[in-house]
N, C-alpha and C. Protein backbone atom coordinates (compact mmCIF):
# COMPACT_ATOMS: atom_id res chain seq x y z
N MET A 1 -87.67 -16.97 -9.87
CA MET A 1 -86.88 -18.00 -10.49
C MET A 1 -87.25 -19.32 -9.83
N THR A 2 -87.44 -20.34 -10.64
CA THR A 2 -87.78 -21.65 -10.10
C THR A 2 -86.71 -22.69 -10.40
N PHE A 3 -85.71 -22.33 -11.19
CA PHE A 3 -84.66 -23.29 -11.54
C PHE A 3 -83.33 -22.57 -11.60
N PHE A 4 -82.29 -23.21 -11.07
CA PHE A 4 -80.94 -22.67 -11.09
C PHE A 4 -80.00 -23.85 -11.19
N SER A 5 -79.02 -23.77 -12.08
CA SER A 5 -78.12 -24.90 -12.29
C SER A 5 -76.67 -24.49 -12.17
N THR A 6 -75.80 -25.42 -12.46
CA THR A 6 -74.36 -25.16 -12.41
C THR A 6 -73.95 -24.09 -13.42
N HIS A 7 -74.71 -23.92 -14.46
CA HIS A 7 -74.42 -22.85 -15.43
C HIS A 7 -74.58 -21.49 -14.75
N GLY A 8 -75.58 -21.37 -13.89
CA GLY A 8 -75.78 -20.14 -13.14
C GLY A 8 -74.65 -19.89 -12.16
N ILE A 9 -74.18 -20.95 -11.49
CA ILE A 9 -73.04 -20.81 -10.58
C ILE A 9 -71.82 -20.33 -11.34
N SER A 10 -71.58 -20.95 -12.48
CA SER A 10 -70.43 -20.57 -13.31
C SER A 10 -70.51 -19.10 -13.73
N ALA A 11 -71.69 -18.65 -14.12
CA ALA A 11 -71.87 -17.26 -14.53
C ALA A 11 -71.63 -16.32 -13.35
N LEU A 12 -72.11 -16.68 -12.17
CA LEU A 12 -71.89 -15.85 -10.99
C LEU A 12 -70.40 -15.78 -10.63
N LEU A 13 -69.70 -16.92 -10.72
CA LEU A 13 -68.28 -16.92 -10.39
C LEU A 13 -67.46 -16.13 -11.40
N ARG A 14 -67.83 -16.20 -12.68
CA ARG A 14 -67.14 -15.39 -13.69
C ARG A 14 -67.39 -13.90 -13.43
N THR A 15 -68.63 -13.57 -13.10
CA THR A 15 -68.97 -12.18 -12.80
C THR A 15 -68.21 -11.69 -11.57
N ARG A 16 -68.11 -12.55 -10.56
CA ARG A 16 -67.35 -12.19 -9.36
C ARG A 16 -65.88 -11.94 -9.71
N HIS A 17 -65.31 -12.76 -10.56
CA HIS A 17 -63.92 -12.60 -10.98
C HIS A 17 -63.72 -11.23 -11.66
N VAL A 18 -64.61 -10.89 -12.56
CA VAL A 18 -64.52 -9.61 -13.26
C VAL A 18 -64.70 -8.45 -12.27
N ALA A 19 -65.66 -8.58 -11.35
CA ALA A 19 -65.90 -7.53 -10.36
C ALA A 19 -64.67 -7.35 -9.46
N THR A 20 -64.07 -8.45 -9.04
CA THR A 20 -62.89 -8.38 -8.19
C THR A 20 -61.74 -7.70 -8.93
N ALA A 21 -61.56 -8.05 -10.20
CA ALA A 21 -60.49 -7.45 -11.00
C ALA A 21 -60.71 -5.94 -11.16
N ALA A 22 -61.97 -5.52 -11.17
CA ALA A 22 -62.30 -4.10 -11.31
C ALA A 22 -62.42 -3.42 -9.95
N ASP A 23 -62.12 -4.16 -8.88
CA ASP A 23 -62.22 -3.65 -7.51
C ASP A 23 -63.63 -3.16 -7.19
N VAL A 24 -64.61 -3.96 -7.60
CA VAL A 24 -66.02 -3.67 -7.38
C VAL A 24 -66.62 -4.82 -6.59
N GLY A 25 -67.48 -4.51 -5.62
CA GLY A 25 -68.14 -5.55 -4.85
C GLY A 25 -69.27 -6.20 -5.63
N LEU A 26 -69.58 -7.43 -5.27
CA LEU A 26 -70.69 -8.15 -5.90
C LEU A 26 -71.60 -8.66 -4.80
N THR A 27 -72.87 -8.26 -4.86
CA THR A 27 -73.85 -8.69 -3.88
C THR A 27 -75.02 -9.32 -4.60
N LEU A 28 -75.41 -10.49 -4.17
CA LEU A 28 -76.57 -11.17 -4.72
C LEU A 28 -77.75 -10.85 -3.82
N ARG A 29 -78.73 -10.15 -4.34
CA ARG A 29 -79.88 -9.73 -3.53
C ARG A 29 -81.16 -10.41 -3.99
N ALA A 30 -82.02 -10.64 -3.03
CA ALA A 30 -83.34 -11.24 -3.30
C ALA A 30 -83.24 -12.52 -4.10
N ALA A 31 -82.26 -13.35 -3.75
CA ALA A 31 -82.07 -14.61 -4.47
C ALA A 31 -83.20 -15.58 -4.13
N ALA A 32 -83.66 -16.28 -5.12
CA ALA A 32 -84.69 -17.30 -4.93
C ALA A 32 -84.12 -18.43 -4.06
N PRO A 33 -84.97 -19.10 -3.31
CA PRO A 33 -84.50 -20.20 -2.47
C PRO A 33 -83.72 -21.27 -3.23
N CYS A 34 -84.10 -21.56 -4.47
CA CYS A 34 -83.37 -22.56 -5.24
C CYS A 34 -81.94 -22.11 -5.52
N VAL A 35 -81.73 -20.80 -5.63
CA VAL A 35 -80.40 -20.26 -5.87
C VAL A 35 -79.54 -20.38 -4.62
N THR A 36 -80.05 -19.91 -3.50
CA THR A 36 -79.26 -19.97 -2.27
C THR A 36 -78.99 -21.40 -1.85
N TYR A 37 -79.95 -22.30 -2.08
CA TYR A 37 -79.76 -23.71 -1.74
C TYR A 37 -78.63 -24.32 -2.56
N LEU A 38 -78.66 -24.11 -3.86
CA LEU A 38 -77.64 -24.71 -4.72
C LEU A 38 -76.27 -24.10 -4.46
N LEU A 39 -76.21 -22.80 -4.22
CA LEU A 39 -74.93 -22.17 -3.90
C LEU A 39 -74.36 -22.75 -2.60
N ALA A 40 -75.22 -22.93 -1.60
CA ALA A 40 -74.78 -23.49 -0.33
C ALA A 40 -74.35 -24.94 -0.50
N ALA A 41 -75.12 -25.72 -1.26
CA ALA A 41 -74.79 -27.13 -1.48
C ALA A 41 -73.46 -27.28 -2.22
N ALA A 42 -73.18 -26.33 -3.10
CA ALA A 42 -71.93 -26.37 -3.87
C ALA A 42 -70.77 -25.72 -3.11
N GLY A 43 -71.07 -25.15 -1.94
CA GLY A 43 -70.02 -24.49 -1.15
C GLY A 43 -69.61 -23.15 -1.72
N VAL A 44 -70.42 -22.57 -2.56
CA VAL A 44 -70.09 -21.31 -3.22
C VAL A 44 -70.57 -20.11 -2.43
N ARG A 45 -71.56 -20.29 -1.59
CA ARG A 45 -72.16 -19.17 -0.86
C ARG A 45 -71.12 -18.31 -0.14
N LEU A 46 -70.09 -18.93 0.39
CA LEU A 46 -69.08 -18.18 1.12
C LEU A 46 -68.22 -17.32 0.21
N ASN A 47 -68.24 -17.59 -1.08
CA ASN A 47 -67.44 -16.83 -2.03
C ASN A 47 -68.17 -15.61 -2.58
N LEU A 48 -69.42 -15.44 -2.24
CA LEU A 48 -70.20 -14.30 -2.70
C LEU A 48 -70.66 -13.51 -1.49
N ASP A 49 -70.84 -12.24 -1.67
CA ASP A 49 -71.27 -11.36 -0.61
C ASP A 49 -72.79 -11.40 -0.52
N LEU A 50 -73.32 -12.42 0.15
CA LEU A 50 -74.76 -12.54 0.32
C LEU A 50 -75.18 -11.82 1.59
N PRO A 51 -76.19 -10.98 1.52
CA PRO A 51 -76.68 -10.37 2.76
C PRO A 51 -77.05 -11.45 3.77
N ALA A 52 -76.76 -11.23 5.04
CA ALA A 52 -76.94 -12.26 6.08
C ALA A 52 -78.34 -12.84 6.11
N ALA A 53 -79.36 -12.03 5.93
CA ALA A 53 -80.73 -12.52 5.99
C ALA A 53 -81.02 -13.53 4.90
N GLU A 54 -80.41 -13.36 3.72
CA GLU A 54 -80.63 -14.28 2.61
C GLU A 54 -79.74 -15.49 2.71
N ALA A 55 -78.58 -15.39 3.31
CA ALA A 55 -77.64 -16.49 3.39
C ALA A 55 -78.16 -17.60 4.28
N ASN A 56 -79.13 -17.32 5.14
CA ASN A 56 -79.65 -18.33 6.04
C ASN A 56 -80.79 -19.14 5.45
N HIS A 57 -81.23 -18.86 4.25
CA HIS A 57 -82.36 -19.60 3.63
C HIS A 57 -81.91 -20.93 3.16
């Protein structure tokens, strides 16, 4: 992936809401750097279960 926007953040947050309601965990794996950067810049990274190795990118 080379592009990620606020639409992607919105989709992830909606998915997280549905997963939480179903008592299911949500993990974002092998996220592209543009994804982790934008999530961190938007302050969303803490709301998703990102593996520690990926959260530091």
